[in-house]
Amino acid sequence: MVPSMSAPAVTRFAPSPSGYLHLGHAYAALFAQGASAGGRFLLRIEDIDTTRCRPEFDAALQEDLAWLGVMWTGPVLRQSERSEAYAAAVRTLSRLGVLYPCFCTRAEIRAEIARSPSAPHGPEGALYPGTCRTLTGTERAARVAAGEQHALRLDVAAALEAVRPHGPLVWRDRAAGPVACTPEMLGDVVLARKGLGVSYHLAVTVDDAFQGVTLVTRGVDLFHATHVHRLLQAALGLPVPEYHHHRLITGPDGNRLATRDGAAALRTLRADGWTSVDIRARIGWPEAG
């Protein structure tokens, strides 16, 4: 179902330039543009992962969007130019006492989970077991001072306690309705890594507020992440947009299309003779309301 057209909205399409756009991107971009309902539609380039993002993919995706008939308002925002805004958010969360350094490697986390048959699981699999959450302040400071590599994790329990005076946290999805915020289902997620910048969770929350996005449209695979984003909005004092988590475009195997899995690029389909009308027909756009 297409988004409600009852009021103008500010929406955005925010691809990562780590590969060429595919059919799933086409659907997400068209959905976001349609959801603006006479408001504003923005383009944001989520290029904080410098190991995978490349300028040629950035240029190519803008060309592909124009060919598809997707046009945005105003300048393109790039996350690679927003490091100070993210650092300020980290400082705010640190002052609230809701971040802690995690020194665990991925291998150590997997081993800890394997040793505990009752390890908590969420919708995306096993949760971080909280190994470093129990370290004392002295232990944390000593290990950081010694130069140990670490990430910064969100202490979900502490964050929920910090925002408790604001009342129950909820967010509204145009497809699912009001949703009670339960970020503990994803555990203490990583928000920043030294030398690698901030995570998707923090960057997208800060940027949606900065750009004045009033309706976040994205795939249903990110539905659970919104619980964390709602908590971060409360902790950082940011406005709460509406959400609409839409269906995913799948391949012949029934799995979500993904660049890393070799999904056919729009430009490859163009070279094979597909038109923008063909692309829209393949993804079922426009949809009946």
C-alpha atoms as a PDB file:
ATOM      1  CA  MET A   1       0.000   0.000   0.000  1.00  0.00           C
ATOM      2  CA  VAL A   2       1.320   3.453  -0.827  1.00  0.00           C
ATOM      3  CA  PRO A   3       1.851   5.943   2.012  1.00  0.00           C
ATOM      4  CA  SER A   4      -0.973   8.152   3.194  1.00  0.00           C
ATOM      5  CA  MET A   5      -1.302  11.281   1.105  1.00  0.00           C
ATOM      6  CA  SER A   6      -3.151  13.271   3.796  1.00  0.00           C
ATOM      7  CA  ALA A   7      -0.440  15.832   4.534  1.00  0.00           C
ATOM      8  CA  PRO A   8       2.837  17.012   3.011  1.00  0.00           C
ATOM      9  CA  ALA A   9       5.859  15.302   4.486  1.00  0.00           C
ATOM     10  CA  VAL A  10       9.624  15.577   4.402  1.00  0.00           C
ATOM     11  CA  THR A  11      11.046  12.226   3.330  1.00  0.00           C
ATOM     12  CA  ARG A  12      14.446  10.994   2.257  1.00  0.00           C
ATOM     13  CA  PHE A  13      16.220   8.254   0.346  1.00  0.00           C
ATOM     14  CA  ALA A  14      19.548   7.373   1.940  1.00  0.00           C
ATOM     15  CA  PRO A  15      21.589   4.823  -0.025  1.00  0.00           C
ATOM     16  CA  SER A  16      25.128   3.743   0.757  1.00  0.00           C
ATOM     17  CA  PRO A  17      27.531   4.130  -2.201  1.00  0.00           C
ATOM     18  CA  SER A  18      29.094   0.714  -1.678  1.00  0.00           C
ATOM     19  CA  GLY A  19      27.788  -0.638  -4.979  1.00  0.00           C
ATOM     20  CA  TYR A  20      25.382   0.122  -7.782  1.00  0.00           C
ATOM     21  CA  LEU A  21      21.657   0.571  -7.188  1.00  0.00           C
ATOM     22  CA  HIS A  22      19.417  -2.452  -7.782  1.00  0.00           C
ATOM     23  CA  LEU A  23      15.659  -3.049  -7.956  1.00  0.00           C
ATOM     24  CA  GLY A  24      15.266  -2.887  -4.180  1.00  0.00           C
ATOM     25  CA  HIS A  25      16.816   0.575  -4.164  1.00  0.00           C
ATOM     26  CA  ALA A  26      14.504   1.639  -6.993  1.00  0.00           C
ATOM     27  CA  TYR A  27      11.446   0.647  -4.989  1.00  0.00           C
ATOM     28  CA  ALA A  28      12.697   2.362  -1.813  1.00  0.00           C
ATOM     29  CA  ALA A  29      13.499   5.579  -3.683  1.00  0.00           C
ATOM     30  CA  LEU A  30      10.148   5.687  -5.485  1.00  0.00           C
ATOM     31  CA  PHE A  31       8.304   4.887  -2.263  1.00  0.00           C
ATOM     32  CA  ALA A  32      10.067   7.699  -0.376  1.00  0.00           C
ATOM     33  CA  GLN A  33       9.481  10.180  -3.190  1.00  0.00           C
ATOM     34  CA  GLY A  34       5.804   9.251  -3.379  1.00  0.00           C
ATOM     35  CA  ALA A  35       5.427   9.529   0.384  1.00  0.00           C
ATOM     36  CA  SER A  36       6.494  13.179   0.344  1.00  0.00           C
ATOM     37  CA  ALA A  37       2.941  13.928  -0.876  1.00  0.00           C
ATOM     38  CA  GLY A  38       3.710  17.388  -2.160  1.00  0.00           C
ATOM     39  CA  GLY A  39       6.233  18.088   0.605  1.00  0.00           C
ATOM     40  CA  ARG A  40       9.982  17.668   0.196  1.00  0.00           C
ATOM     41  CA  PHE A  41      12.010  14.651  -0.859  1.00  0.00           C
ATOM     42  CA  LEU A  42      15.700  14.640   0.104  1.00  0.00           C
ATOM     43  CA  LEU A  43      18.731  12.596  -0.921  1.00  0.00           C
ATOM     44  CA  ARG A  44      21.303  11.595   1.691  1.00  0.00           C
ATOM     45  CA  ILE A  45      24.440   9.596   0.929  1.00  0.00           C
ATOM     46  CA  GLU A  46      25.323   7.292   3.831  1.00  0.00           C
ATOM     47  CA  ASP A  47      29.050   6.991   3.180  1.00  0.00           C
ATOM     48  CA  ILE A  48      30.536   6.676   6.657  1.00  0.00           C
ATOM     49  CA  ASP A  49      31.935   3.221   5.842  1.00  0.00           C
ATOM     50  CA  THR A  50      35.034   4.438   4.018  1.00  0.00           C
ATOM     51  CA  THR A  51      36.301   0.883   3.481  1.00  0.00           C
ATOM     52  CA  ARG A  52      33.370   0.053   1.167  1.00  0.00           C
ATOM     53  CA  CYS A  53      32.003   3.367  -0.138  1.00  0.00           C
ATOM     54  CA  ARG A  54      33.485   4.817  -3.337  1.00  0.00           C
ATOM     55  CA  PRO A  55      32.970   8.111  -5.208  1.00  0.00           C
ATOM     56  CA  GLU A  56      32.161   6.353  -8.467  1.00  0.00           C
ATOM     57  CA  PHE A  57      29.207   4.612  -6.837  1.00  0.00           C
ATOM     58  CA  ASP A  58      28.039   7.968  -5.455  1.00  0.00           C
ATOM     59  CA  ALA A  59      28.010   9.509  -8.929  1.00  0.00           C
ATOM     60  CA  ALA A  60      26.432   6.420 -10.476  1.00  0.00           C
ATOM     61  CA  LEU A  61      23.530   6.243  -8.046  1.00  0.00           C
ATOM     62  CA  GLN A  62      22.603   9.862  -8.714  1.00  0.00           C
ATOM     63  CA  GLU A  63      22.650   9.165 -12.448  1.00  0.00           C
ATOM     64  CA  ASP A  64      20.508   6.050 -11.984  1.00  0.00           C
ATOM     65  CA  LEU A  65      17.975   7.923  -9.858  1.00  0.00           C
ATOM     66  CA  ALA A  66      17.634  10.665 -12.465  1.00  0.00           C
ATOM     67  CA  TRP A  67      17.125   8.030 -15.190  1.00  0.00           C
ATOM     68  CA  LEU A  68      14.443   6.396 -13.055  1.00  0.00           C
ATOM     69  CA  GLY A  69      12.668   9.757 -12.683  1.00  0.00           C
ATOM     70  CA  VAL A  70      13.508  10.259  -9.014  1.00  0.00           C
ATOM     71  CA  MET A  71      14.260  13.914  -8.320  1.00  0.00           C
ATOM     72  CA  TRP A  72      15.191  15.375  -4.944  1.00  0.00           C
ATOM     73  CA  THR A  73      15.005  18.823  -3.398  1.00  0.00           C
ATOM     74  CA  GLY A  74      18.077  20.792  -2.341  1.00  0.00           C
ATOM     75  CA  PRO A  75      21.698  19.715  -1.977  1.00  0.00           C
ATOM     76  CA  VAL A  76      22.770  16.156  -1.260  1.00  0.00           C
ATOM     77  CA  LEU A  77      23.800  15.523   2.360  1.00  0.00           C
ATOM     78  CA  ARG A  78      26.811  13.244   2.867  1.00  0.00           C
ATOM     79  CA  GLN A  79      27.467  11.542   6.172  1.00  0.00           C
ATOM     80  CA  SER A  80      31.220  11.728   5.551  1.00  0.00           C
ATOM     81  CA  GLU A  81      30.889  15.489   6.130  1.00  0.00           C
ATOM     82  CA  ARG A  82      28.975  15.141   9.400  1.00  0.00           C
ATOM     83  CA  SER A  83      31.609  13.774  11.784  1.00  0.00           C
ATOM     84  CA  GLU A  84      31.381  16.684  14.246  1.00  0.00           C
ATOM     85  CA  ALA A  85      27.613  16.327  14.558  1.00  0.00           C
ATOM     86  CA  TYR A  86      28.035  12.649  15.417  1.00  0.00           C
ATOM     87  CA  ALA A  87      30.838  13.410  17.863  1.00  0.00           C
ATOM     88  CA  ALA A  88      28.582  15.944  19.599  1.00  0.00           C
ATOM     89  CA  ALA A  89      25.869  13.294  19.948  1.00  0.00           C
ATOM     90  CA  VAL A  90      28.383  10.856  21.442  1.00  0.00           C
ATOM     91  CA  ARG A  91      29.458  13.520  23.939  1.00  0.00           C
ATOM     92  CA  THR A  92      25.842  14.134  24.947  1.00  0.00           C
ATOM     93  CA  LEU A  93      25.218  10.430  25.489  1.00  0.00           C
ATOM     94  CA  SER A  94      28.467  10.123  27.443  1.00  0.00           C
ATOM     95  CA  ARG A  95      27.415  12.938  29.770  1.00  0.00           C
ATOM     96  CA  LEU A  96      24.143  11.111  30.351  1.00  0.00           C
ATOM     97  CA  GLY A  97      26.119   8.061  31.424  1.00  0.00           C
ATOM     98  CA  VAL A  98      24.492   5.754  28.879  1.00  0.00           C
ATOM     99  CA  LEU A  99      27.600   4.671  26.953  1.00  0.00           C
ATOM    100  CA  TYR A 100      30.322   2.254  27.959  1.00  0.00           C
ATOM    101  CA  PRO A 101      33.510   1.033  26.266  1.00  0.00           C
ATOM    102  CA  CYS A 102      33.433  -2.543  25.011  1.00  0.00           C
ATOM    103  CA  PHE A 103      36.780  -4.253  24.538  1.00  0.00           C
ATOM    104  CA  CYS A 104      35.391  -7.568  23.270  1.00  0.00           C
ATOM    105  CA  THR A 105      36.368  -8.809  19.844  1.00  0.00           C
ATOM    106  CA  ARG A 106      33.761 -10.439  17.620  1.00  0.00           C
ATOM    107  CA  ALA A 107      35.417 -13.794  18.238  1.00  0.00           C
ATOM    108  CA  GLU A 108      35.243 -13.307  22.006  1.00  0.00           C
ATOM    109  CA  ILE A 109      31.567 -12.389  21.794  1.00  0.00           C
ATOM    110  CA  ARG A 110      30.794 -15.481  19.713  1.00  0.00           C
ATOM    111  CA  ALA A 111      32.700 -17.678  22.192  1.00  0.00           C
ATOM    112  CA  GLU A 112      30.875 -16.159  25.169  1.00  0.00           C
ATOM    113  CA  ILE A 113      27.509 -16.741  23.524  1.00  0.00           C
ATOM    114  CA  ALA A 114      28.464 -20.320  22.678  1.00  0.00           C
ATOM    115  CA  ARG A 115      29.373 -20.986  26.318  1.00  0.00           C
ATOM    116  CA  SER A 116      25.959 -19.833  27.483  1.00  0.00           C
ATOM    117  CA  PRO A 117      23.094 -22.013  26.217  1.00  0.00           C
ATOM    118  CA  SER A 118      20.631 -19.516  27.693  1.00  0.00           C
ATOM    119  CA  ALA A 119      22.178 -16.485  25.987  1.00  0.00           C
ATOM    120  CA  PRO A 120      19.459 -13.924  25.222  1.00  0.00           C
ATOM    121  CA  HIS A 121      18.312 -13.667  21.618  1.00  0.00           C
ATOM    122  CA  GLY A 122      16.499 -10.903  19.783  1.00  0.00           C
ATOM    123  CA  PRO A 123      14.867 -10.636  16.364  1.00  0.00           C
ATOM    124  CA  GLU A 124      18.300 -10.437  14.715  1.00  0.00           C
ATOM    125  CA  GLY A 125      19.919 -13.304  16.629  1.00  0.00           C
ATOM    126  CA  ALA A 126      22.003 -13.603  19.777  1.00  0.00           C
ATOM    127  CA  LEU A 127      22.465 -10.388  21.756  1.00  0.00           C
ATOM    128  CA  TYR A 128      25.698  -9.006  23.115  1.00  0.00           C
ATOM    129  CA  PRO A 129      26.066 -10.726  26.511  1.00  0.00           C
ATOM    130  CA  GLY A 130      27.031  -7.548  28.361  1.00  0.00           C
ATOM    131  CA  THR A 131      30.550  -8.678  29.253  1.00  0.00           C
ATOM    132  CA  CYS A 132      32.047  -5.182  29.461  1.00  0.00           C
ATOM    133  CA  ARG A 133      28.976  -3.571  30.986  1.00  0.00           C
ATOM    134  CA  THR A 134      29.978  -4.988  34.369  1.00  0.00           C
ATOM    135  CA  LEU A 135      33.467  -3.442  34.363  1.00  0.00           C
ATOM    136  CA  THR A 136      34.031  -0.770  36.999  1.00  0.00           C
ATOM    137  CA  GLY A 137      34.745   2.799  36.028  1.00  0.00           C
ATOM    138  CA  THR A 138      38.349   2.349  37.143  1.00  0.00           C
ATOM    139  CA  GLU A 139      38.788  -0.744  34.999  1.00  0.00           C
ATOM    140  CA  ARG A 140      37.310   0.969  31.978  1.00  0.00           C
ATOM    141  CA  ALA A 141      39.482   4.051  32.376  1.00  0.00           C
ATOM    142  CA  ALA A 142      42.645   1.987  32.816  1.00  0.00           C
ATOM    143  CA  ARG A 143      42.010  -0.088  29.712  1.00  0.00           C
ATOM    144  CA  VAL A 144      41.159   2.953  27.599  1.00  0.00           C
ATOM    145  CA  ALA A 145      44.293   4.733  28.883  1.00  0.00           C
ATOM    146  CA  ALA A 146      46.347   1.664  27.949  1.00  0.00           C
ATOM    147  CA  GLY A 147      45.222   2.071  24.366  1.00  0.00           C
ATOM    148  CA  GLU A 148      43.039  -1.020  24.104  1.00  0.00           C
ATOM    149  CA  GLN A 149      40.837  -1.040  21.036  1.00  0.00           C
ATOM    150  CA  HIS A 150      37.207  -0.623  21.949  1.00  0.00           C
ATOM    151  CA  ALA A 151      33.754   0.295  20.747  1.00  0.00           C
ATOM    152  CA  LEU A 152      31.172   2.418  22.527  1.00  0.00           C
ATOM    153  CA  ARG A 153      27.958   0.562  23.314  1.00  0.00           C
ATOM    154  CA  LEU A 154      24.617   1.969  24.356  1.00  0.00           C
ATOM    155  CA  ASP A 155      23.669   0.860  27.862  1.00  0.00           C
ATOM    156  CA  VAL A 156      20.011   0.342  27.033  1.00  0.00           C
ATOM    157  CA  ALA A 157      18.878  -0.141  30.641  1.00  0.00           C
ATOM    158  CA  ALA A 158      20.645   3.051  31.746  1.00  0.00           C
ATOM    159  CA  ALA A 159      19.269   4.984  28.770  1.00  0.00           C
ATOM    160  CA  LEU A 160      15.716   3.859  29.459  1.00  0.00           C
ATOM    161  CA  GLU A 161      16.116   4.970  33.064  1.00  0.00           C
ATOM    162  CA  ALA A 162      17.522   8.335  31.952  1.00  0.00           C
ATOM    163  CA  VAL A 163      14.518   9.074  29.728  1.00  0.00           C
ATOM    164  CA  ARG A 164      11.920   7.650  32.098  1.00  0.00           C
ATOM    165  CA  PRO A 165      10.701  11.170  33.137  1.00  0.00           C
ATOM    166  CA  HIS A 166       9.530  11.659  29.540  1.00  0.00           C
ATOM    167  CA  GLY A 167       6.959   8.901  29.982  1.00  0.00           C
ATOM    168  CA  PRO A 168       6.468   5.740  27.916  1.00  0.00           C
ATOM    169  CA  LEU A 169       8.299   5.797  24.600  1.00  0.00           C
ATOM    170  CA  VAL A 170       6.245   5.065  21.508  1.00  0.00           C
ATOM    171  CA  TRP A 171       6.602   5.585  17.792  1.00  0.00           C
ATOM    172  CA  ARG A 172       4.040   5.454  14.992  1.00  0.00           C
ATOM    173  CA  ASP A 173       4.319   3.391  11.853  1.00  0.00           C
ATOM    174  CA  ARG A 174       1.829   4.156   9.081  1.00  0.00           C
ATOM    175  CA  ALA A 175       1.427   0.446   8.384  1.00  0.00           C
ATOM    176  CA  ALA A 176       1.649  -0.989  11.927  1.00  0.00           C
ATOM    177  CA  GLY A 177       0.144   1.866  13.943  1.00  0.00           C
ATOM    178  CA  PRO A 178       1.450   2.943  17.396  1.00  0.00           C
ATOM    179  CA  VAL A 179       4.390   0.832  18.559  1.00  0.00           C
ATOM    180  CA  ALA A 180       5.648   0.659  22.155  1.00  0.00           C
ATOM    181  CA  CYS A 181       9.401   1.172  22.239  1.00  0.00           C
ATOM    182  CA  THR A 182      11.309  -1.903  23.464  1.00  0.00           C
ATOM    183  CA  PRO A 183      14.957  -1.331  22.474  1.00  0.00           C
ATOM    184  CA  GLU A 184      16.148  -4.027  24.865  1.00  0.00           C
ATOM    185  CA  MET A 185      15.171  -6.535  22.190  1.00  0.00           C
ATOM    186  CA  LEU A 186      18.362  -5.587  20.327  1.00  0.00           C
ATOM    187  CA  GLY A 187      20.601  -5.414  23.383  1.00  0.00           C
ATOM    188  CA  ASP A 188      23.435  -2.954  23.944  1.00  0.00           C
ATOM    189  CA  VAL A 189      24.153  -2.022  20.333  1.00  0.00           C
ATOM    190  CA  VAL A 190      27.431  -0.465  19.186  1.00  0.00           C
ATOM    191  CA  LEU A 191      27.139   3.262  18.507  1.00  0.00           C
ATOM    192  CA  ALA A 192      30.749   4.129  17.677  1.00  0.00           C
ATOM    193  CA  ARG A 193      34.118   2.525  16.985  1.00  0.00           C
ATOM    194  CA  LYS A 194      37.433   4.289  17.267  1.00  0.00           C
ATOM    195  CA  GLY A 195      38.776   4.997  13.801  1.00  0.00           C
ATOM    196  CA  LEU A 196      35.596   3.728  12.101  1.00  0.00           C
ATOM    197  CA  GLY A 197      33.186   6.480  13.059  1.00  0.00           C
ATOM    198  CA  VAL A 198      29.655   5.981  14.276  1.00  0.00           C
ATOM    199  CA  SER A 199      27.144   3.258  13.581  1.00  0.00           C
ATOM    200  CA  TYR A 200      24.078   3.410  11.371  1.00  0.00           C
ATOM    201  CA  HIS A 201      21.857   3.677  14.458  1.00  0.00           C
ATOM    202  CA  LEU A 202      23.369   6.934  15.663  1.00  0.00           C
ATOM    203  CA  ALA A 203      24.114   8.555  12.298  1.00  0.00           C
ATOM    204  CA  VAL A 204      20.647   8.019  10.850  1.00  0.00           C
ATOM    205  CA  THR A 205      18.947   9.313  14.001  1.00  0.00           C
ATOM    206  CA  VAL A 206      21.035  12.479  14.088  1.00  0.00           C
ATOM    207  CA  ASP A 207      20.718  13.118  10.359  1.00  0.00           C
ATOM    208  CA  ASP A 208      16.958  12.617  10.153  1.00  0.00           C
ATOM    209  CA  ALA A 209      16.546  15.269  12.851  1.00  0.00           C
ATOM    210  CA  PHE A 210      19.048  17.621  11.188  1.00  0.00           C
ATOM    211  CA  GLN A 211      17.293  17.387   7.840  1.00  0.00           C
ATOM    212  CA  GLY A 212      13.849  17.865   9.349  1.00  0.00           C
ATOM    213  CA  VAL A 213      12.587  14.503   8.103  1.00  0.00           C
ATOM    214  CA  THR A 214       8.993  14.033   9.255  1.00  0.00           C
ATOM    215  CA  LEU A 215       8.346  10.624   7.671  1.00  0.00           C
ATOM    216  CA  VAL A 216      11.028   7.933   7.544  1.00  0.00           C
ATOM    217  CA  THR A 217      10.332   5.329   4.872  1.00  0.00           C
ATOM    218  CA  ARG A 218      12.483   2.215   4.683  1.00  0.00           C
ATOM    219  CA  GLY A 219      12.297  -1.549   4.339  1.00  0.00           C
ATOM    220  CA  VAL A 220      10.544  -3.735   6.872  1.00  0.00           C
ATOM    221  CA  ASP A 221      13.917  -5.357   7.606  1.00  0.00           C
ATOM    222  CA  LEU A 222      14.763  -2.206   9.600  1.00  0.00           C
ATOM    223  CA  PHE A 223      11.561  -2.209  11.643  1.00  0.00           C
ATOM    224  CA  HIS A 224      13.232  -3.464  14.831  1.00  0.00           C
ATOM    225  CA  ALA A 225      16.069  -0.912  14.546  1.00  0.00           C
ATOM    226  CA  THR A 226      13.490   1.837  15.040  1.00  0.00           C
ATOM    227  CA  HIS A 227      13.148   0.844  18.697  1.00  0.00           C
ATOM    228  CA  VAL A 228      16.792   1.859  19.242  1.00  0.00           C
ATOM    229  CA  HIS A 229      16.360   5.034  17.209  1.00  0.00           C
ATOM    230  CA  ARG A 230      13.358   6.081  19.278  1.00  0.00           C
ATOM    231  CA  LEU A 231      15.397   5.677  22.459  1.00  0.00           C
ATOM    232  CA  LEU A 232      18.230   7.737  20.993  1.00  0.00           C
ATOM    233  CA  GLN A 233      15.765  10.477  19.995  1.00  0.00           C
ATOM    234  CA  ALA A 234      14.559  10.689  23.587  1.00  0.00           C
ATOM    235  CA  ALA A 235      18.076  10.688  25.018  1.00  0.00           C
ATOM    236  CA  LEU A 236      19.296  13.367  22.591  1.00  0.00           C
ATOM    237  CA  GLY A 237      16.156  15.515  22.761  1.00  0.00           C
ATOM    238  CA  LEU A 238      15.372  15.087  19.051  1.00  0.00           C
ATOM    239  CA  PRO A 239      11.973  15.248  17.330  1.00  0.00           C
ATOM    240  CA  VAL A 240      10.161  12.002  16.551  1.00  0.00           C
ATOM    241  CA  PRO A 241       9.151  11.445  12.917  1.00  0.00           C
ATOM    242  CA  GLU A 242       6.511   9.051  11.643  1.00  0.00           C
ATOM    243  CA  TYR A 243       7.683   5.827  10.031  1.00  0.00           C
ATOM    244  CA  HIS A 244       6.511   3.614   7.221  1.00  0.00           C
ATOM    245  CA  HIS A 245       8.332   0.307   6.851  1.00  0.00           C
ATOM    246  CA  HIS A 246       7.504  -1.005   3.410  1.00  0.00           C
ATOM    247  CA  ARG A 247       7.766  -4.376   1.737  1.00  0.00           C
ATOM    248  CA  LEU A 248      11.021  -5.633   0.284  1.00  0.00           C
ATOM    249  CA  ILE A 249      11.801  -6.531  -3.304  1.00  0.00           C
ATOM    250  CA  THR A 250      12.993 -10.119  -3.423  1.00  0.00           C
ATOM    251  CA  GLY A 251      14.835 -12.232  -5.931  1.00  0.00           C
ATOM    252  CA  PRO A 252      13.820 -15.586  -7.447  1.00  0.00           C
ATOM    253  CA  ASP A 253      15.010 -17.318  -4.259  1.00  0.00           C
ATOM    254  CA  GLY A 254      12.643 -15.228  -2.130  1.00  0.00           C
ATOM    255  CA  ASN A 255      15.471 -13.411  -0.351  1.00  0.00           C
ATOM    256  CA  ARG A 256      15.838  -9.654  -0.119  1.00  0.00           C
ATOM    257  CA  LEU A 257      17.913  -8.172  -2.910  1.00  0.00           C
ATOM    258  CA  ALA A 258      21.291  -6.950  -1.673  1.00  0.00           C
ATOM    259  CA  THR A 259      24.329  -5.480  -3.401  1.00  0.00           C
ATOM    260  CA  ARG A 260      26.682  -7.768  -1.491  1.00  0.00           C
ATOM    261  CA  ASP A 261      24.796 -10.791  -2.833  1.00  0.00           C
ATOM    262  CA  GLY A 262      25.244  -9.734  -6.436  1.00  0.00           C
ATOM    263  CA  ALA A 263      21.766  -8.307  -7.105  1.00  0.00           C
ATOM    264  CA  ALA A 264      21.495  -7.117 -10.701  1.00  0.00           C
ATOM    265  CA  ALA A 265      22.335  -3.428 -10.915  1.00  0.00           C
ATOM    266  CA  LEU A 266      19.948  -0.956 -12.538  1.00  0.00           C
ATOM    267  CA  ARG A 267      22.685   0.076 -14.940  1.00  0.00           C
ATOM    268  CA  THR A 268      23.188  -3.538 -15.965  1.00  0.00           C
ATOM    269  CA  LEU A 269      19.482  -3.837 -16.692  1.00  0.00           C
ATOM    270  CA  ARG A 270      19.650  -0.564 -18.630  1.00  0.00           C
ATOM    271  CA  ALA A 271      22.487  -1.950 -20.729  1.00  0.00           C
ATOM    272  CA  ASP A 272      20.322  -5.005 -21.421  1.00  0.00           C
ATOM    273  CA  GLY A 273      17.600  -2.770 -22.832  1.00  0.00           C
ATOM    274  CA  TRP A 274      15.338  -2.240 -19.820  1.00  0.00           C
ATOM    275  CA  THR A 275      13.555   1.117 -19.619  1.00  0.00           C
ATOM    276  CA  SER A 276      12.527   2.999 -16.498  1.00  0.00           C
ATOM    277  CA  VAL A 277       8.955   1.868 -17.263  1.00  0.00           C
ATOM    278  CA  ASP A 278      10.167  -1.737 -17.243  1.00  0.00           C
ATOM    279  CA  ILE A 279      11.816  -1.201 -13.863  1.00  0.00           C
ATOM    280  CA  ARG A 280       8.638   0.235 -12.373  1.00  0.00           C
ATOM    281  CA  ALA A 281       6.602  -2.643 -13.724  1.00  0.00           C
ATOM    282  CA  ARG A 282       9.031  -5.222 -12.327  1.00  0.00           C
ATOM    283  CA  ILE A 283       8.788  -3.789  -8.794  1.00  0.00           C
ATOM    284  CA  GLY A 284       5.038  -3.204  -8.992  1.00  0.00           C
ATOM    285  CA  TRP A 285       5.120   0.580  -8.954  1.00  0.00           C
ATOM    286  CA  PRO A 286       2.892   2.523  -8.769  1.00  0.00           C
ATOM    287  CA  GLU A 287       0.886   0.451  -6.344  1.00  0.00           C
ATOM    288  CA  ALA A 288      -2.836   0.597  -5.770  1.00  0.00           C
ATOM    289  CA  GLY A 289      -3.727   2.456  -2.563  1.00  0.00           C
END
